PDB file of N, CA and C in Angstrom:
ATOM      1  N   ILE A   1       0.854  -1.208   0.000  1.00  0.00           N
ATOM      2  CA  ILE A   1       0.000   0.000   0.000  1.00  0.00           C
ATOM      3  C   ILE A   1       0.886   1.253   0.000  1.00  0.00           C
ATOM      4  N   LEU A   2       0.626   2.148  -0.929  1.00  0.00           N
ATOM      5  CA  LEU A   2       1.450   3.375  -0.990  1.00  0.00           C
ATOM      6  C   LEU A   2       0.750   4.526  -0.267  1.00  0.00           C
ATOM      7  N   PRO A   3       1.546   5.374   0.335  1.00  0.00           N
ATOM      8  CA  PRO A   3       0.979   6.534   1.033  1.00  0.00           C
ATOM      9  C   PRO A   3       0.279   7.482   0.067  1.00  0.00           C
ATOM     10  N   GLU A   4      -0.450   8.428   0.598  1.00  0.00           N
ATOM     11  CA  GLU A   4      -1.164   9.370  -0.295  1.00  0.00           C
ATOM     12  C   GLU A   4      -0.179  10.146  -1.162  1.00  0.00           C
ATOM     13  N   ASP A   5       0.938  10.531  -0.591  1.00  0.00           N
ATOM     14  CA  ASP A   5       1.941  11.282  -1.370  1.00  0.00           C
ATOM     15  C   ASP A   5       2.355  10.490  -2.608  1.00  0.00           C
ATOM     16  N   LEU A   6       2.696   9.241  -2.399  1.00  0.00           N
ATOM     17  CA  LEU A   6       3.137   8.421  -3.547  1.00  0.00           C
ATOM     18  C   LEU A   6       1.972   8.233  -4.512  1.00  0.00           C
ATOM     19  N   ARG A   7       0.808   8.049  -3.953  1.00  0.00           N
ATOM     20  CA  ARG A   7      -0.375   7.825  -4.821  1.00  0.00           C
ATOM     21  C   ARG A   7      -0.576   9.061  -5.709  1.00  0.00           C
ATOM     22  N   GLU A   8      -0.483  10.222  -5.143  1.00  0.00           N
ATOM     23  CA  GLU A   8      -0.673  11.446  -5.960  1.00  0.00           C
ATOM     24  C   GLU A   8       0.443  11.557  -6.998  1.00  0.00           C
ATOM     25  N   LYS A   9       1.639  11.239  -6.598  1.00  0.00           N
ATOM     26  CA  LYS A   9       2.773  11.337  -7.552  1.00  0.00           C
ATOM     27  C   LYS A   9       2.539  10.365  -8.712  1.00  0.00           C
ATOM     28  N   LEU A  10       2.145   9.171  -8.406  1.00  0.00           N
ATOM     29  CA  LEU A  10       1.914   8.189  -9.481  1.00  0.00           C
ATOM     30  C   LEU A  10       0.786   8.693 -10.391  1.00  0.00           C
ATOM     31  N   ARG A  11      -0.192   9.286  -9.799  1.00  0.00           N
ATOM     32  CA  ARG A  11      -1.338   9.774 -10.609  1.00  0.00           C
ATOM     33  C   ARG A  11      -0.841  10.926 -11.495  1.00  0.00           C
ATOM     34  N   ASN A  12       0.015  11.761 -10.958  1.00  0.00           N
ATOM     35  CA  ASN A  12       0.522  12.896 -11.755  1.00  0.00           C
ATOM     36  C   ASN A  12       1.528  12.407 -12.802  1.00  0.00           C
ATOM     37  N   GLU A  13       2.373  11.487 -12.416  1.00  0.00           N
ATOM     38  CA  GLU A  13       3.378  10.984 -13.385  1.00  0.00           C
ATOM     39  C   GLU A  13       3.401   9.461 -13.404  1.00  0.00           C
ATOM     40  N   PRO A  14       2.396   8.863 -13.973  1.00  0.00           N
ATOM     41  CA  PRO A  14       2.344   7.398 -14.053  1.00  0.00           C
ATOM     42  C   PRO A  14       3.504   6.856 -14.890  1.00  0.00           C
ATOM     43  N   ARG A  15       3.980   7.673 -15.810  1.00  0.00           N
ATOM     44  CA  ARG A  15       5.100   7.205 -16.674  1.00  0.00           C
ATOM     45  C   ARG A  15       6.347   7.020 -15.802  1.00  0.00           C
ATOM     46  N   ARG A  16       6.525   7.874 -14.845  1.00  0.00           N
ATOM     47  CA  ARG A  16       7.754   7.771 -14.008  1.00  0.00           C
ATOM     48  C   ARG A  16       7.722   6.420 -13.261  1.00  0.00           C
ATOM     49  N   ASP A  17       6.579   6.046 -12.802  1.00  0.00           N
ATOM     50  CA  ASP A  17       6.471   4.771 -12.074  1.00  0.00           C
ATOM     51  C   ASP A  17       6.911   3.626 -12.992  1.00  0.00           C
ATOM     52  N   THR A  18       6.484   3.681 -14.224  1.00  0.00           N
ATOM     53  CA  THR A  18       6.852   2.607 -15.165  1.00  0.00           C
ATOM     54  C   THR A  18       8.366   2.623 -15.406  1.00  0.00           C
ATOM     55  N   LEU A  19       8.921   3.804 -15.476  1.00  0.00           N
ATOM     56  CA  LEU A  19      10.377   3.895 -15.713  1.00  0.00           C
ATOM     57  C   LEU A  19      11.130   3.336 -14.503  1.00  0.00           C
ATOM     58  N   LEU A  20      10.621   3.619 -13.326  1.00  0.00           N
ATOM     59  CA  LEU A  20      11.289   3.120 -12.101  1.00  0.00           C
ATOM     60  C   LEU A  20      11.228   1.595 -12.082  1.00  0.00           C
ATOM     61  N   GLU A  21      10.121   1.054 -12.506  1.00  0.00           N
ATOM     62  CA  GLU A  21       9.971  -0.413 -12.512  1.00  0.00           C
ATOM     63  C   GLU A  21      10.926  -0.984 -13.551  1.00  0.00           C
TER      64      GLU A  21
END
């Protein structure tokens, strides 16, 4: 489970999450 901060960041930059993975 990700905190709200991370959740908002992923929502704003979902591409970054994919790059990190």
